[in-house]
């Protein structure tokens, strides 16, 4: 999530400024595989179909982890998939992944 100068934590303190194209993951390794889906959208736009039902444009990314050795963890970040057509305006096309 993009953190700007106005972002505050749950206690009302300002957070550090980070680049909007950076994905930060904290991996708590386990021998049992686990994962989650990251959903991203612009939080603003919404389209409608011919029956005036909303069409949500977002993208999803599958992330997985598994500890495969005493000192080795396999982390997989799949390519982002656009849902309902093209992605939202302002979506980053490349980003730094920090684990």
PDB file of N, CA and C in Angstrom:
ATOM      1  N   UNK A   1       0.842  -1.177   0.000  1.00  0.00           N
ATOM      2  CA  UNK A   1       0.000   0.000   0.000  1.00  0.00           C
ATOM      3  C   UNK A   1       0.881   1.232   0.000  1.00  0.00           C
ATOM      4  N   UNK A   2       0.507   2.188  -0.781  1.00  0.00           N
ATOM      5  CA  UNK A   2       1.253   3.437  -0.839  1.00  0.00           C
ATOM      6  C   UNK A   2       1.058   4.198   0.465  1.00  0.00           C
ATOM      7  N   UNK A   3       2.139   4.605   1.042  1.00  0.00           N
ATOM      8  CA  UNK A   3       2.111   5.369   2.284  1.00  0.00           C
ATOM      9  C   UNK A   3       2.672   6.751   1.984  1.00  0.00           C
ATOM     10  N   UNK A   4       1.839   7.783   2.159  1.00  0.00           N
ATOM     11  CA  UNK A   4       2.295   9.143   1.884  1.00  0.00           C
ATOM     12  C   UNK A   4       2.462   9.919   3.190  1.00  0.00           C
ATOM     13  N   UNK A   5       2.772  11.166   3.077  1.00  0.00           N
ATOM     14  CA  UNK A   5       3.039  11.996   4.258  1.00  0.00           C
ATOM     15  C   UNK A   5       1.811  12.167   5.148  1.00  0.00           C
ATOM     16  N   UNK A   6       0.610  11.953   4.609  1.00  0.00           N
ATOM     17  CA  UNK A   6      -0.612  12.122   5.394  1.00  0.00           C
ATOM     18  C   UNK A   6      -1.119  10.825   6.025  1.00  0.00           C
ATOM     19  N   UNK A   7      -0.499   9.698   5.713  1.00  0.00           N
ATOM     20  CA  UNK A   7      -0.950   8.414   6.233  1.00  0.00           C
ATOM     21  C   UNK A   7      -0.571   8.287   7.709  1.00  0.00           C
ATOM     22  N   UNK A   8      -1.536   7.815   8.503  1.00  0.00           N
ATOM     23  CA  UNK A   8      -1.297   7.631   9.931  1.00  0.00           C
ATOM     24  C   UNK A   8      -1.610   6.189  10.317  1.00  0.00           C
ATOM     25  N   UNK A   9      -1.000   5.720  11.387  1.00  0.00           N
ATOM     26  CA  UNK A   9      -1.307   4.387  11.887  1.00  0.00           C
ATOM     27  C   UNK A   9      -2.529   4.440  12.800  1.00  0.00           C
ATOM     28  N   UNK A  10      -2.864   3.327  13.425  1.00  0.00           N
ATOM     29  CA  UNK A  10      -4.057   3.246  14.266  1.00  0.00           C
ATOM     30  C   UNK A  10      -3.989   4.173  15.477  1.00  0.00           C
ATOM     31  N   UNK A  11      -2.791   4.635  15.839  1.00  0.00           N
ATOM     32  CA  UNK A  11      -2.624   5.515  16.991  1.00  0.00           C
ATOM     33  C   UNK A  11      -2.527   6.981  16.593  1.00  0.00           C
ATOM     34  N   UNK A  12      -2.722   7.275  15.295  1.00  0.00           N
ATOM     35  CA  UNK A  12      -2.680   8.651  14.832  1.00  0.00           C
ATOM     36  C   UNK A  12      -1.295   9.184  14.538  1.00  0.00           C
ATOM     37  N   UNK A  13      -0.279   8.312  14.543  1.00  0.00           N
ATOM     38  CA  UNK A  13       1.085   8.731  14.229  1.00  0.00           C
ATOM     39  C   UNK A  13       1.326   8.613  12.730  1.00  0.00           C
ATOM     40  N   UNK A  14       2.116   9.498  12.191  1.00  0.00           N
ATOM     41  CA  UNK A  14       2.458   9.456  10.768  1.00  0.00           C
ATOM     42  C   UNK A  14       3.391   8.284  10.491  1.00  0.00           C
ATOM     43  N   UNK A  15       3.222   7.696   9.313  1.00  0.00           N
ATOM     44  CA  UNK A  15       4.064   6.579   8.886  1.00  0.00           C
ATOM     45  C   UNK A  15       5.190   7.110   8.005  1.00  0.00           C
ATOM     46  N   UNK A  16       6.200   6.281   7.782  1.00  0.00           N
ATOM     47  CA  UNK A  16       7.307   6.653   6.899  1.00  0.00           C
ATOM     48  C   UNK A  16       6.834   6.682   5.456  1.00  0.00           C
ATOM     49  N   UNK A  17       7.416   7.546   4.655  1.00  0.00           N
ATOM     50  CA  UNK A  17       7.071   7.667   3.243  1.00  0.00           C
ATOM     51  C   UNK A  17       7.728   6.529   2.461  1.00  0.00           C
ATOM     52  N   UNK A  18       6.970   5.861   1.618  1.00  0.00           N
ATOM     53  CA  UNK A  18       7.468   4.767   0.781  1.00  0.00           C
ATOM     54  C   UNK A  18       7.074   5.034  -0.659  1.00  0.00           C
ATOM     55  N   UNK A  19       7.779   4.401  -1.591  1.00  0.00           N
ATOM     56  CA  UNK A  19       7.425   4.524  -3.003  1.00  0.00           C
ATOM     57  C   UNK A  19       6.141   3.759  -3.286  1.00  0.00           C
ATOM     58  N   UNK A  20       5.298   4.285  -4.169  1.00  0.00           N
ATOM     59  CA  UNK A  20       4.024   3.651  -4.465  1.00  0.00           C
ATOM     60  C   UNK A  20       4.182   2.396  -5.300  1.00  0.00           C
ATOM     61  N   UNK A  21       5.349   2.177  -5.901  1.00  0.00           N
ATOM     62  CA  UNK A  21       5.543   1.002  -6.738  1.00  0.00           C
ATOM     63  C   UNK A  21       6.284  -0.109  -6.003  1.00  0.00           C
ATOM     64  N   UNK A  22       6.319  -0.074  -4.705  1.00  0.00           N
ATOM     65  CA  UNK A  22       7.045  -1.041  -3.899  1.00  0.00           C
ATOM     66  C   UNK A  22       6.069  -1.992  -3.214  1.00  0.00           C
ATOM     67  N   UNK A  23       6.326  -3.306  -3.329  1.00  0.00           N
ATOM     68  CA  UNK A  23       5.530  -4.311  -2.623  1.00  0.00           C
ATOM     69  C   UNK A  23       6.388  -4.871  -1.504  1.00  0.00           C
ATOM     70  N   UNK A  24       5.923  -4.730  -0.278  1.00  0.00           N
ATOM     71  CA  UNK A  24       6.677  -5.193   0.883  1.00  0.00           C
ATOM     72  C   UNK A  24       5.947  -6.393   1.471  1.00  0.00           C
ATOM     73  N   UNK A  25       6.653  -7.520   1.583  1.00  0.00           N
ATOM     74  CA  UNK A  25       6.069  -8.739   2.145  1.00  0.00           C
ATOM     75  C   UNK A  25       6.848  -9.160   3.376  1.00  0.00           C
ATOM     76  N   UNK A  26       6.137  -9.493   4.418  1.00  0.00           N
ATOM     77  CA  UNK A  26       6.751 -10.105   5.594  1.00  0.00           C
ATOM     78  C   UNK A  26       6.361 -11.570   5.547  1.00  0.00           C
ATOM     79  N   UNK A  27       7.352 -12.429   5.422  1.00  0.00           N
ATOM     80  CA  UNK A  27       7.110 -13.854   5.262  1.00  0.00           C
ATOM     81  C   UNK A  27       7.441 -14.554   6.575  1.00  0.00           C
ATOM     82  N   UNK A  28       6.457 -15.254   7.106  1.00  0.00           N
ATOM     83  CA  UNK A  28       6.631 -16.061   8.304  1.00  0.00           C
ATOM     84  C   UNK A  28       6.609 -17.508   7.835  1.00  0.00           C
ATOM     85  N   UNK A  29       7.801 -18.032   7.594  1.00  0.00           N
ATOM     86  CA  UNK A  29       7.944 -19.320   6.925  1.00  0.00           C
ATOM     87  C   UNK A  29       7.416 -20.473   7.759  1.00  0.00           C
ATOM     88  N   UNK A  30       6.872 -21.450   7.038  1.00  0.00           N
ATOM     89  CA  UNK A  30       6.373 -22.669   7.652  1.00  0.00           C
ATOM     90  C   UNK A  30       6.522 -23.782   6.630  1.00  0.00           C
ATOM     91  N   UNK A  31       6.701 -24.993   7.106  1.00  0.00           N
ATOM     92  CA  UNK A  31       6.799 -26.136   6.186  1.00  0.00           C
ATOM     93  C   UNK A  31       5.470 -26.396   5.478  1.00  0.00           C
ATOM     94  N   UNK A  32       4.379 -26.025   6.110  1.00  0.00           N
ATOM     95  CA  UNK A  32       3.069 -26.148   5.459  1.00  0.00           C
ATOM     96  C   UNK A  32       2.920 -24.993   4.475  1.00  0.00           C
ATOM     97  N   UNK A  33       2.643 -25.277   3.214  1.00  0.00           N
ATOM     98  CA  UNK A  33       2.496 -24.187   2.246  1.00  0.00           C
ATOM     99  C   UNK A  33       1.293 -23.314   2.575  1.00  0.00           C
ATOM    100  N   UNK A  34       1.434 -22.035   2.296  1.00  0.00           N
ATOM    101  CA  UNK A  34       0.322 -21.110   2.492  1.00  0.00           C
ATOM    102  C   UNK A  34       0.422 -20.015   1.447  1.00  0.00           C
ATOM    103  N   UNK A  35      -0.636 -19.239   1.337  1.00  0.00           N
ATOM    104  CA  UNK A  35      -0.627 -18.157   0.372  1.00  0.00           C
ATOM    105  C   UNK A  35      -1.837 -17.272   0.532  1.00  0.00           C
ATOM    106  N   UNK A  36      -1.865 -16.245  -0.291  1.00  0.00           N
ATOM    107  CA  UNK A  36      -3.004 -15.339  -0.302  1.00  0.00           C
ATOM    108  C   UNK A  36      -3.076 -14.651  -1.648  1.00  0.00           C
ATOM    109  N   UNK A  37      -4.182 -13.985  -1.880  1.00  0.00           N
ATOM    110  CA  UNK A  37      -4.383 -13.220  -3.102  1.00  0.00           C
ATOM    111  C   UNK A  37      -4.358 -11.741  -2.762  1.00  0.00           C
ATOM    112  N   UNK A  38      -3.507 -11.003  -3.465  1.00  0.00           N
ATOM    113  CA  UNK A  38      -3.432  -9.549  -3.328  1.00  0.00           C
ATOM    114  C   UNK A  38      -4.364  -8.938  -4.357  1.00  0.00           C
ATOM    115  N   UNK A  39      -5.290  -8.096  -3.915  1.00  0.00           N
ATOM    116  CA  UNK A  39      -6.212  -7.396  -4.811  1.00  0.00           C
ATOM    117  C   UNK A  39      -5.832  -5.923  -4.841  1.00  0.00           C
ATOM    118  N   UNK A  40      -5.788  -5.337  -6.050  1.00  0.00           N
ATOM    119  CA  UNK A  40      -5.432  -3.925  -6.198  1.00  0.00           C
ATOM    120  C   UNK A  40      -6.406  -3.233  -7.135  1.00  0.00           C
ATOM    121  N   UNK A  41      -6.814  -2.031  -6.753  1.00  0.00           N
ATOM    122  CA  UNK A  41      -7.575  -1.155  -7.652  1.00  0.00           C
ATOM    123  C   UNK A  41      -7.250   0.279  -7.287  1.00  0.00           C
ATOM    124  N   UNK A  42      -7.817   1.212  -8.024  1.00  0.00           N
ATOM    125  CA  UNK A  42      -7.494   2.612  -7.750  1.00  0.00           C
ATOM    126  C   UNK A  42      -8.357   3.198  -6.637  1.00  0.00           C
ATOM    127  N   UNK A  43      -9.368   2.469  -6.195  1.00  0.00           N
ATOM    128  CA  UNK A  43     -10.206   2.943  -5.101  1.00  0.00           C
ATOM    129  C   UNK A  43     -11.139   4.078  -5.473  1.00  0.00           C
ATOM    130  N   UNK A  44     -11.237   4.380  -6.779  1.00  0.00           N
ATOM    131  CA  UNK A  44     -12.047   5.523  -7.185  1.00  0.00           C
ATOM    132  C   UNK A  44     -13.005   5.217  -8.329  1.00  0.00           C
ATOM    133  N   UNK A  45     -12.520   4.615  -9.396  1.00  0.00           N
ATOM    134  CA  UNK A  45     -13.334   4.464 -10.599  1.00  0.00           C
ATOM    135  C   UNK A  45     -14.222   3.227 -10.544  1.00  0.00           C
ATOM    136  N   UNK A  46     -15.343   3.326 -11.258  1.00  0.00           N
ATOM    137  CA  UNK A  46     -16.298   2.242 -11.354  1.00  0.00           C
ATOM    138  C   UNK A  46     -17.030   2.392 -12.679  1.00  0.00           C
ATOM    139  N   UNK A  47     -17.098   1.303 -13.455  1.00  0.00           N
ATOM    140  CA  UNK A  47     -17.831   1.311 -14.720  1.00  0.00           C
ATOM    141  C   UNK A  47     -19.149   0.567 -14.535  1.00  0.00           C
ATOM    142  N   UNK A  48     -20.048   0.737 -15.530  1.00  0.00           N
ATOM    143  CA  UNK A  48     -21.342   0.073 -15.487  1.00  0.00           C
ATOM    144  C   UNK A  48     -21.603  -0.608 -16.816  1.00  0.00           C
ATOM    145  N   UNK A  49     -22.286  -1.766 -16.766  1.00  0.00           N
ATOM    146  CA  UNK A  49     -22.628  -2.461 -17.997  1.00  0.00           C
ATOM    147  C   UNK A  49     -23.944  -1.904 -18.548  1.00  0.00           C
ATOM    148  N   UNK A  50     -24.465  -2.525 -19.619  1.00  0.00           N
ATOM    149  CA  UNK A  50     -25.671  -2.016 -20.286  1.00  0.00           C
ATOM    150  C   UNK A  50     -26.914  -2.078 -19.407  1.00  0.00           C
ATOM    151  N   UNK A  51     -26.897  -2.915 -18.363  1.00  0.00           N
ATOM    152  CA  UNK A  51     -28.037  -2.992 -17.437  1.00  0.00           C
ATOM    153  C   UNK A  51     -27.799  -2.157 -16.176  1.00  0.00           C
ATOM    154  N   UNK A  52     -26.769  -1.315 -16.232  1.00  0.00           N
ATOM    155  CA  UNK A  52     -26.404  -0.418 -15.140  1.00  0.00           C
ATOM    156  C   UNK A  52     -25.904  -1.137 -13.889  1.00  0.00           C
ATOM    157  N   UNK A  53     -25.390  -2.357 -14.075  1.00  0.00           N
ATOM    158  CA  UNK A  53     -24.761  -3.078 -12.972  1.00  0.00           C
ATOM    159  C   UNK A  53     -23.285  -2.689 -12.935  1.00  0.00           C
ATOM    160  N   UNK A  54     -22.709  -2.567 -11.759  1.00  0.00           N
ATOM    161  CA  UNK A  54     -21.308  -2.135 -11.669  1.00  0.00           C
ATOM    162  C   UNK A  54     -20.338  -3.178 -12.216  1.00  0.00           C
ATOM    163  N   UNK A  55     -19.298  -2.677 -12.859  1.00  0.00           N
ATOM    164  CA  UNK A  55     -18.187  -3.503 -13.326  1.00  0.00           C
ATOM    165  C   UNK A  55     -16.947  -3.027 -12.579  1.00  0.00           C
ATOM    166  N   UNK A  56     -16.413  -3.870 -11.740  1.00  0.00           N
ATOM    167  CA  UNK A  56     -15.234  -3.520 -10.960  1.00  0.00           C
ATOM    168  C   UNK A  56     -13.989  -3.933 -11.736  1.00  0.00           C
ATOM    169  N   UNK A  57     -13.095  -2.996 -11.963  1.00  0.00           N
ATOM    170  CA  UNK A  57     -11.829  -3.281 -12.638  1.00  0.00           C
ATOM    171  C   UNK A  57     -10.725  -3.294 -11.581  1.00  0.00           C
ATOM    172  N   UNK A  58     -10.094  -4.429 -11.465  1.00  0.00           N
ATOM    173  CA  UNK A  58      -9.012  -4.592 -10.506  1.00  0.00           C
ATOM    174  C   UNK A  58      -8.076  -5.667 -11.018  1.00  0.00           C
ATOM    175  N   UNK A  59      -7.004  -5.878 -10.299  1.00  0.00           N
ATOM    176  CA  UNK A  59      -6.118  -6.982 -10.644  1.00  0.00           C
ATOM    177  C   UNK A  59      -5.821  -7.775  -9.386  1.00  0.00           C
ATOM    178  N   UNK A  60      -5.483  -9.023  -9.613  1.00  0.00           N
ATOM    179  CA  UNK A  60      -5.161  -9.901  -8.495  1.00  0.00           C
ATOM    180  C   UNK A  60      -3.810 -10.565  -8.740  1.00  0.00           C
ATOM    181  N   UNK A  61      -3.112 -10.836  -7.660  1.00  0.00           N
ATOM    182  CA  UNK A  61      -1.809 -11.486  -7.711  1.00  0.00           C
ATOM    183  C   UNK A  61      -1.775 -12.563  -6.645  1.00  0.00           C
ATOM    184  N   UNK A  62      -1.430 -13.785  -7.037  1.00  0.00           N
ATOM    185  CA  UNK A  62      -1.304 -14.898  -6.092  1.00  0.00           C
ATOM    186  C   UNK A  62       0.103 -14.901  -5.501  1.00  0.00           C
ATOM    187  N   UNK A  63       0.191 -15.014  -4.173  1.00  0.00           N
ATOM    188  CA  UNK A  63       1.476 -15.087  -3.476  1.00  0.00           C
ATOM    189  C   UNK A  63       1.482 -16.339  -2.607  1.00  0.00           C
ATOM    190  N   UNK A  64       2.601 -17.076  -2.625  1.00  0.00           N
ATOM    191  CA  UNK A  64       2.700 -18.328  -1.864  1.00  0.00           C
ATOM    192  C   UNK A  64       4.055 -18.404  -1.178  1.00  0.00           C
ATOM    193  N   UNK A  65       4.113 -19.180  -0.093  1.00  0.00           N
ATOM    194  CA  UNK A  65       5.363 -19.427   0.612  1.00  0.00           C
ATOM    195  C   UNK A  65       5.384 -20.864   1.110  1.00  0.00           C
ATOM    196  N   UNK A  66       6.599 -21.394   1.236  1.00  0.00           N
ATOM    197  CA  UNK A  66       6.799 -22.685   1.888  1.00  0.00           C
ATOM    198  C   UNK A  66       8.257 -22.817   2.266  1.00  0.00           C
ATOM    199  N   UNK A  67       8.493 -23.226   3.504  1.00  0.00           N
ATOM    200  CA  UNK A  67       9.851 -23.487   3.954  1.00  0.00           C
ATOM    201  C   UNK A  67      10.244 -24.850   3.396  1.00  0.00           C
ATOM    202  N   UNK A  68      11.314 -24.910   2.601  1.00  0.00           N
ATOM    203  CA  UNK A  68      11.705 -26.167   1.956  1.00  0.00           C
ATOM    204  C   UNK A  68      13.013 -26.715   2.505  1.00  0.00           C
ATOM    205  N   UNK A  69      13.589 -26.045   3.468  1.00  0.00           N
ATOM    206  CA  UNK A  69      14.804 -26.501   4.128  1.00  0.00           C
ATOM    207  C   UNK A  69      15.014 -25.703   5.395  1.00  0.00           C
ATOM    208  N   UNK A  70      16.033 -26.090   6.162  1.00  0.00           N
ATOM    209  CA  UNK A  70      16.290 -25.402   7.422  1.00  0.00           C
ATOM    210  C   UNK A  70      16.527 -23.913   7.225  1.00  0.00           C
ATOM    211  N   UNK A  71      17.195 -23.542   6.114  1.00  0.00           N
ATOM    212  CA  UNK A  71      17.519 -22.141   5.858  1.00  0.00           C
ATOM    213  C   UNK A  71      16.965 -21.648   4.526  1.00  0.00           C
ATOM    214  N   UNK A  72      15.983 -22.356   3.980  1.00  0.00           N
ATOM    215  CA  UNK A  72      15.493 -22.012   2.647  1.00  0.00           C
ATOM    216  C   UNK A  72      13.976 -21.886   2.645  1.00  0.00           C
ATOM    217  N   UNK A  73      13.504 -20.763   2.114  1.00  0.00           N
ATOM    218  CA  UNK A  73      12.071 -20.531   1.968  1.00  0.00           C
ATOM    219  C   UNK A  73      11.805 -20.214   0.507  1.00  0.00           C
ATOM    220  N   UNK A  74      10.810 -20.866  -0.067  1.00  0.00           N
ATOM    221  CA  UNK A  74      10.416 -20.587  -1.449  1.00  0.00           C
ATOM    222  C   UNK A  74       9.219 -19.637  -1.415  1.00  0.00           C
ATOM    223  N   UNK A  75       9.381 -18.462  -2.032  1.00  0.00           N
ATOM    224  CA  UNK A  75       8.308 -17.477  -2.132  1.00  0.00           C
ATOM    225  C   UNK A  75       7.996 -17.295  -3.605  1.00  0.00           C
ATOM    226  N   UNK A  76       6.723 -17.437  -3.957  1.00  0.00           N
ATOM    227  CA  UNK A  76       6.294 -17.288  -5.344  1.00  0.00           C
ATOM    228  C   UNK A  76       5.347 -16.104  -5.447  1.00  0.00           C
ATOM    229  N   UNK A  77       5.672 -15.178  -6.346  1.00  0.00           N
ATOM    230  CA  UNK A  77       4.804 -14.044  -6.650  1.00  0.00           C
ATOM    231  C   UNK A  77       4.408 -14.188  -8.106  1.00  0.00           C
ATOM    232  N   UNK A  78       3.164 -14.566  -8.346  1.00  0.00           N
ATOM    233  CA  UNK A  78       2.686 -14.771  -9.717  1.00  0.00           C
ATOM    234  C   UNK A  78       2.482 -13.429 -10.413  1.00  0.00           C
ATOM    235  N   UNK A  79       2.364 -13.491 -11.719  1.00  0.00           N
ATOM    236  CA  UNK A  79       2.074 -12.279 -12.488  1.00  0.00           C
ATOM    237  C   UNK A  79       0.669 -11.784 -12.140  1.00  0.00           C
ATOM    238  N   UNK A  80       0.493 -10.481 -12.131  1.00  0.00           N
ATOM    239  CA  UNK A  80      -0.823  -9.894 -11.861  1.00  0.00           C
ATOM    240  C   UNK A  80      -1.777 -10.226 -12.996  1.00  0.00           C
ATOM    241  N   UNK A  81      -3.033 -10.499 -12.643  1.00  0.00           N
ATOM    242  CA  UNK A  81      -4.078 -10.809 -13.605  1.00  0.00           C
ATOM    243  C   UNK A  81      -5.133  -9.712 -13.567  1.00  0.00           C
ATOM    244  N   UNK A  82      -5.431  -9.126 -14.722  1.00  0.00           N
ATOM    245  CA  UNK A  82      -6.482  -8.107 -14.792  1.00  0.00           C
ATOM    246  C   UNK A  82      -7.843  -8.779 -14.765  1.00  0.00           C
ATOM    247  N   UNK A  83      -8.749  -8.249 -13.959  1.00  0.00           N
ATOM    248  CA  UNK A  83     -10.099  -8.791 -13.832  1.00  0.00           C
ATOM    249  C   UNK A  83     -11.070  -7.810 -14.479  1.00  0.00           C
ATOM    250  N   UNK A  84     -11.975  -8.315 -15.290  1.00  0.00           N
ATOM    251  CA  UNK A  84     -12.975  -7.515 -16.016  1.00  0.00           C
ATOM    252  C   UNK A  84     -12.329  -6.566 -17.028  1.00  0.00           C
ATOM    253  N   UNK A  85     -11.411  -7.076 -17.790  1.00  0.00           N
ATOM    254  CA  UNK A  85     -10.812  -6.265 -18.857  1.00  0.00           C
ATOM    255  C   UNK A  85      -9.519  -5.623 -18.452  1.00  0.00           C
ATOM    256  N   UNK A  86      -9.292  -4.444 -18.981  1.00  0.00           N
ATOM    257  CA  UNK A  86      -8.030  -3.752 -18.726  1.00  0.00           C
ATOM    258  C   UNK A  86      -7.924  -3.346 -17.271  1.00  0.00           C
ATOM    259  N   UNK A  87      -6.702  -3.104 -16.860  1.00  0.00           N
ATOM    260  CA  UNK A  87      -6.459  -2.726 -15.472  1.00  0.00           C
ATOM    261  C   UNK A  87      -6.881  -1.278 -15.223  1.00  0.00           C
ATOM    262  N   UNK A  88      -6.857  -0.877 -14.002  1.00  0.00           N
ATOM    263  CA  UNK A  88      -7.258   0.469 -13.615  1.00  0.00           C
ATOM    264  C   UNK A  88      -6.175   1.479 -13.962  1.00  0.00           C
ATOM    265  N   UNK A  89      -6.571   2.708 -14.107  1.00  0.00           N
ATOM    266  CA  UNK A  89      -5.651   3.793 -14.419  1.00  0.00           C
ATOM    267  C   UNK A  89      -4.677   3.996 -13.269  1.00  0.00           C
ATOM    268  N   UNK A  90      -3.408   4.170 -13.598  1.00  0.00           N
ATOM    269  CA  UNK A  90      -2.404   4.418 -12.581  1.00  0.00           C
ATOM    270  C   UNK A  90      -1.750   3.174 -12.014  1.00  0.00           C
ATOM    271  N   UNK A  91      -2.149   1.992 -12.483  1.00  0.00           N
ATOM    272  CA  UNK A  91      -1.547   0.752 -11.982  1.00  0.00           C
ATOM    273  C   UNK A  91      -0.079   0.689 -12.389  1.00  0.00           C
ATOM    274  N   UNK A  92       0.766   0.297 -11.460  1.00  0.00           N
ATOM    275  CA  UNK A  92       2.190   0.177 -11.780  1.00  0.00           C
ATOM    276  C   UNK A  92       2.405  -1.011 -12.708  1.00  0.00           C
ATOM    277  N   UNK A  93       3.363  -0.900 -13.612  1.00  0.00           N
ATOM    278  CA  UNK A  93       3.651  -1.988 -14.547  1.00  0.00           C
ATOM    279  C   UNK A  93       4.856  -2.802 -14.104  1.00  0.00           C
ATOM    280  N   UNK A  94       5.715  -2.226 -13.290  1.00  0.00           N
ATOM    281  CA  UNK A  94       6.822  -2.953 -12.668  1.00  0.00           C
ATOM    282  C   UNK A  94       6.954  -2.436 -11.248  1.00  0.00           C
ATOM    283  N   UNK A  95       7.514  -3.270 -10.379  1.00  0.00           N
ATOM    284  CA  UNK A  95       7.715  -2.813  -9.020  1.00  0.00           C
ATOM    285  C   UNK A  95       8.820  -3.613  -8.339  1.00  0.00           C
ATOM    286  N   UNK A  96       9.364  -3.002  -7.326  1.00  0.00           N
ATOM    287  CA  UNK A  96      10.373  -3.651  -6.493  1.00  0.00           C
ATOM    288  C   UNK A  96       9.646  -4.514  -5.467  1.00  0.00           C
ATOM    289  N   UNK A  97      10.007  -5.781  -5.368  1.00  0.00           N
ATOM    290  CA  UNK A  97       9.445  -6.673  -4.363  1.00  0.00           C
ATOM    291  C   UNK A  97      10.456  -6.832  -3.249  1.00  0.00           C
ATOM    292  N   UNK A  98      10.071  -6.466  -2.029  1.00  0.00           N
ATOM    293  CA  UNK A  98      10.955  -6.557  -0.876  1.00  0.00           C
ATOM    294  C   UNK A  98      10.401  -7.592   0.091  1.00  0.00           C
ATOM    295  N   UNK A  99      11.210  -8.611   0.380  1.00  0.00           N
ATOM    296  CA  UNK A  99      10.798  -9.667   1.299  1.00  0.00           C
ATOM    297  C   UNK A  99      11.551  -9.510   2.594  1.00  0.00           C
TER     298      UNK A  99
END
